[in-house]
Amino acid sequence: MKRTILGERPPSYVSKITLAAELDVSESTIDEYVQRGLLPKPIRLGGSVRWCWAQVQASLNPLASAGGLSEQDPFMEGLKNVSPAP
């Protein structure tokens, strides 16, 4: 279930469900991005695991200026070498 952020900005600390919805990816993709170092590691607030939204935005800004997440992905890089079928 995806949740929608209402208002001008997301909360300061977001859950994995909210982060995945904001980035339009699955929760397993969030785990993969954290493991690959594309997203910061979450912190524990009380009994909840949360991501600092400001850190998430900061981690994504260099990727956006470098062309986005897809250029960092070896699979997506390999697709550039495939020519279309005749």
N, C-alpha and C. Protein backbone atom coordinates (compact mmCIF):
# COMPACT_ATOMS: atom_id res chain seq x y z
N MET A 1 0.84 -1.18 0.00
CA MET A 1 0.00 0.00 0.00
C MET A 1 0.89 1.24 0.00
N LYS A 2 0.70 2.11 -0.98
CA LYS A 2 1.47 3.35 -1.04
C LYS A 2 0.69 4.46 -0.36
N ARG A 3 1.42 5.26 0.40
CA ARG A 3 0.81 6.39 1.08
C ARG A 3 1.22 7.65 0.35
N THR A 4 0.33 8.61 0.31
CA THR A 4 0.59 9.86 -0.36
C THR A 4 0.91 10.92 0.68
N ILE A 5 1.95 11.70 0.41
CA ILE A 5 2.31 12.82 1.28
C ILE A 5 1.42 14.00 0.92
N LEU A 6 0.77 14.56 1.90
CA LEU A 6 -0.07 15.72 1.67
C LEU A 6 0.62 16.96 2.22
N GLY A 7 0.40 18.08 1.59
CA GLY A 7 0.99 19.32 2.06
C GLY A 7 2.19 19.73 1.23
N GLU A 8 2.88 20.73 1.71
CA GLU A 8 4.00 21.31 0.96
C GLU A 8 5.27 20.48 1.00
N ARG A 9 5.47 19.71 2.06
CA ARG A 9 6.71 18.95 2.18
C ARG A 9 6.45 17.65 2.93
N PRO A 10 7.33 16.66 2.70
CA PRO A 10 7.17 15.42 3.47
C PRO A 10 7.61 15.63 4.91
N PRO A 11 7.31 14.70 5.78
CA PRO A 11 7.77 14.82 7.16
C PRO A 11 9.29 14.80 7.22
N SER A 12 9.86 15.27 8.31
CA SER A 12 11.31 15.30 8.44
C SER A 12 11.90 13.91 8.43
N TYR A 13 11.22 12.94 9.02
CA TYR A 13 11.68 11.56 9.05
C TYR A 13 10.58 10.68 8.48
N VAL A 14 10.93 9.87 7.48
CA VAL A 14 9.91 9.07 6.79
C VAL A 14 10.17 7.58 6.98
N SER A 15 9.09 6.81 6.93
CA SER A 15 9.16 5.35 7.01
C SER A 15 9.59 4.80 5.65
N LYS A 16 9.88 3.51 5.62
CA LYS A 16 10.26 2.88 4.35
C LYS A 16 9.10 2.93 3.36
N ILE A 17 7.89 2.73 3.86
CA ILE A 17 6.70 2.77 2.98
C ILE A 17 6.58 4.15 2.34
N THR A 18 6.72 5.19 3.15
CA THR A 18 6.61 6.56 2.65
C THR A 18 7.76 6.89 1.70
N LEU A 19 8.97 6.49 2.07
CA LEU A 19 10.13 6.75 1.22
C LEU A 19 9.97 6.07 -0.13
N ALA A 20 9.54 4.83 -0.13
CA ALA A 20 9.33 4.10 -1.38
C ALA A 20 8.27 4.78 -2.23
N ALA A 21 7.20 5.24 -1.60
CA ALA A 21 6.14 5.93 -2.34
C ALA A 21 6.65 7.24 -2.93
N GLU A 22 7.43 7.99 -2.16
CA GLU A 22 7.96 9.27 -2.63
C GLU A 22 8.91 9.08 -3.81
N LEU A 23 9.70 8.00 -3.78
CA LEU A 23 10.66 7.74 -4.85
C LEU A 23 10.06 6.89 -5.97
N ASP A 24 8.82 6.45 -5.78
CA ASP A 24 8.11 5.61 -6.75
C ASP A 24 8.87 4.33 -7.06
N VAL A 25 9.33 3.67 -5.99
CA VAL A 25 10.03 2.39 -6.10
C VAL A 25 9.46 1.45 -5.05
N SER A 26 9.85 0.19 -5.12
CA SER A 26 9.38 -0.78 -4.12
C SER A 26 10.22 -0.66 -2.85
N GLU A 27 9.70 -1.25 -1.79
CA GLU A 27 10.44 -1.26 -0.53
C GLU A 27 11.73 -2.06 -0.66
N SER A 28 11.72 -3.11 -1.46
CA SER A 28 12.95 -3.89 -1.66
C SER A 28 13.99 -3.08 -2.42
N THR A 29 13.55 -2.18 -3.29
CA THR A 29 14.48 -1.29 -3.99
C THR A 29 15.12 -0.32 -3.01
N ILE A 30 14.36 0.15 -2.03
CA ILE A 30 14.93 1.01 -0.99
C ILE A 30 16.06 0.27 -0.29
N ASP A 31 15.82 -0.99 0.08
CA ASP A 31 16.86 -1.79 0.74
C ASP A 31 18.10 -1.92 -0.15
N GLU A 32 17.87 -2.16 -1.44
CA GLU A 32 18.99 -2.30 -2.39
C GLU A 32 19.77 -0.99 -2.50
N TYR A 33 19.06 0.13 -2.59
CA TYR A 33 19.73 1.43 -2.71
C TYR A 33 20.55 1.76 -1.46
N VAL A 34 20.04 1.38 -0.29
CA VAL A 34 20.79 1.59 0.95
C VAL A 34 22.04 0.72 0.93
N GLN A 35 21.89 -0.53 0.53
CA GLN A 35 23.01 -1.46 0.49
C GLN A 35 24.08 -0.98 -0.50
N ARG A 36 23.66 -0.40 -1.63
CA ARG A 36 24.60 0.09 -2.65
C ARG A 36 25.16 1.47 -2.30
N GLY A 37 24.65 2.09 -1.25
CA GLY A 37 25.14 3.40 -0.84
C GLY A 37 24.50 4.57 -1.58
N LEU A 38 23.43 4.30 -2.33
CA LEU A 38 22.73 5.37 -3.05
C LEU A 38 21.82 6.16 -2.13
N LEU A 39 21.36 5.52 -1.07
CA LEU A 39 20.54 6.18 -0.04
C LEU A 39 21.23 6.02 1.30
N PRO A 40 21.02 6.97 2.21
CA PRO A 40 21.61 6.85 3.55
C PRO A 40 20.97 5.71 4.32
N LYS A 41 21.70 5.21 5.32
CA LYS A 41 21.14 4.19 6.20
C LYS A 41 20.08 4.84 7.08
N PRO A 42 19.04 4.09 7.41
CA PRO A 42 18.00 4.65 8.28
C PRO A 42 18.49 4.75 9.72
N ILE A 43 17.74 5.50 10.50
CA ILE A 43 18.02 5.61 11.93
C ILE A 43 16.82 5.03 12.68
N ARG A 44 17.02 4.71 13.93
CA ARG A 44 15.94 4.20 14.75
C ARG A 44 15.47 5.32 15.68
N LEU A 45 14.20 5.65 15.56
CA LEU A 45 13.56 6.64 16.43
C LEU A 45 12.54 5.89 17.27
N GLY A 46 12.85 5.70 18.54
CA GLY A 46 11.97 4.89 19.39
C GLY A 46 11.97 3.48 18.85
N GLY A 47 10.83 2.95 18.52
CA GLY A 47 10.73 1.62 17.95
C GLY A 47 10.58 1.63 16.44
N SER A 48 10.74 2.78 15.82
CA SER A 48 10.53 2.90 14.38
C SER A 48 11.84 3.13 13.64
N VAL A 49 11.90 2.60 12.42
CA VAL A 49 13.04 2.84 11.53
C VAL A 49 12.62 3.95 10.58
N ARG A 50 13.43 5.00 10.50
CA ARG A 50 13.09 6.17 9.70
C ARG A 50 14.31 6.68 8.93
N TRP A 51 14.04 7.35 7.80
CA TRP A 51 15.06 8.03 7.03
C TRP A 51 14.88 9.52 7.18
N CYS A 52 15.97 10.23 7.37
CA CYS A 52 15.92 11.69 7.41
C CYS A 52 15.73 12.17 5.97
N TRP A 53 14.62 12.84 5.70
CA TRP A 53 14.30 13.25 4.35
C TRP A 53 15.37 14.18 3.78
N ALA A 54 15.92 15.06 4.60
CA ALA A 54 16.97 15.97 4.12
C ALA A 54 18.20 15.19 3.65
N GLN A 55 18.56 14.11 4.37
CA GLN A 55 19.70 13.28 3.95
C GLN A 55 19.39 12.53 2.66
N VAL A 56 18.15 12.07 2.53
CA VAL A 56 17.75 11.38 1.30
C VAL A 56 17.88 12.32 0.12
N GLN A 57 17.35 13.54 0.26
CA GLN A 57 17.44 14.51 -0.82
C GLN A 57 18.89 14.83 -1.16
N ALA A 58 19.73 14.99 -0.15
CA ALA A 58 21.14 15.29 -0.37
C ALA A 58 21.83 14.14 -1.09
N SER A 59 21.48 12.91 -0.76
CA SER A 59 22.12 11.77 -1.41
C SER A 59 21.67 11.62 -2.85
N LEU A 60 20.46 12.08 -3.17
CA LEU A 60 19.96 11.97 -4.54
C LEU A 60 20.39 13.12 -5.43
N ASN A 61 20.72 14.28 -4.86
CA ASN A 61 21.11 15.43 -5.68
C ASN A 61 22.33 15.16 -6.55
N PRO A 62 23.40 14.56 -6.05
CA PRO A 62 24.54 14.27 -6.94
C PRO A 62 24.16 13.30 -8.06
N LEU A 63 23.25 12.36 -7.77
CA LEU A 63 22.82 11.42 -8.79
C LEU A 63 22.04 12.12 -9.89
N ALA A 64 21.21 13.08 -9.50
CA ALA A 64 20.42 13.81 -10.49
C ALA A 64 21.33 14.62 -11.40
N SER A 65 22.34 15.25 -10.84
CA SER A 65 23.24 16.05 -11.66
C SER A 65 24.14 15.18 -12.53
N ALA A 66 24.34 13.91 -12.12
CA ALA A 66 25.16 12.99 -12.91
C ALA A 66 24.32 12.22 -13.91
N GLY A 67 23.03 12.50 -13.95
CA GLY A 67 22.18 11.83 -14.93
C GLY A 67 21.18 10.87 -14.34
N GLY A 68 21.15 10.72 -13.05
CA GLY A 68 20.12 9.90 -12.43
C GLY A 68 20.61 8.54 -11.99
N LEU A 69 19.73 7.83 -11.29
CA LEU A 69 20.06 6.51 -10.76
C LEU A 69 20.36 5.51 -11.86
N SER A 70 19.67 5.61 -12.99
CA SER A 70 19.83 4.60 -14.03
C SER A 70 21.26 4.56 -14.56
N GLU A 71 21.97 5.68 -14.57
CA GLU A 71 23.34 5.66 -15.07
C GLU A 71 24.29 5.02 -14.06
N GLN A 72 23.90 4.91 -12.81
CA GLN A 72 24.72 4.28 -11.81
C GLN A 72 24.52 2.76 -11.82
N ASP A 73 23.49 2.29 -12.44
CA ASP A 73 23.12 0.89 -12.44
C ASP A 73 23.82 0.16 -13.58
N PRO A 74 24.64 -0.87 -13.30
CA PRO A 74 25.35 -1.58 -14.37
C PRO A 74 24.42 -2.18 -15.41
N PHE A 75 23.25 -2.66 -15.00
CA PHE A 75 22.29 -3.20 -15.96
C PHE A 75 21.85 -2.14 -16.94
N MET A 76 21.50 -0.95 -16.42
CA MET A 76 21.06 0.13 -17.29
C MET A 76 22.21 0.61 -18.19
N GLU A 77 23.43 0.61 -17.68
CA GLU A 77 24.60 0.96 -18.50
C GLU A 77 24.76 -0.03 -19.64
N GLY A 78 24.55 -1.33 -19.35
CA GLY A 78 24.68 -2.36 -20.38
C GLY A 78 23.65 -2.21 -21.47
N LEU A 79 22.48 -1.70 -21.13
CA LEU A 79 21.45 -1.50 -22.15
C LEU A 79 21.86 -0.51 -23.22
N LYS A 80 22.79 0.36 -22.90
CA LYS A 80 23.27 1.34 -23.88
C LYS A 80 24.04 0.66 -25.00
N ASN A 81 24.54 -0.55 -24.74
CA ASN A 81 25.33 -1.29 -25.73
C ASN A 81 24.47 -2.19 -26.60
N VAL A 82 23.18 -2.24 -26.36
CA VAL A 82 22.28 -3.10 -27.13
C VAL A 82 21.69 -2.30 -28.27
N SER A 83 21.79 -2.86 -29.48
CA SER A 83 21.18 -2.17 -30.62
C SER A 83 19.78 -2.72 -30.84
N PRO A 84 18.89 -1.88 -31.33
CA PRO A 84 17.50 -2.32 -31.52
C PRO A 84 17.41 -3.40 -32.59
N ALA A 85 16.40 -4.25 -32.46
CA ALA A 85 16.17 -5.31 -33.44
C ALA A 85 15.80 -4.69 -34.78
N PRO A 86 16.24 -5.30 -35.88
CA PRO A 86 15.92 -4.75 -37.22
C PRO A 86 14.47 -4.82 -37.56
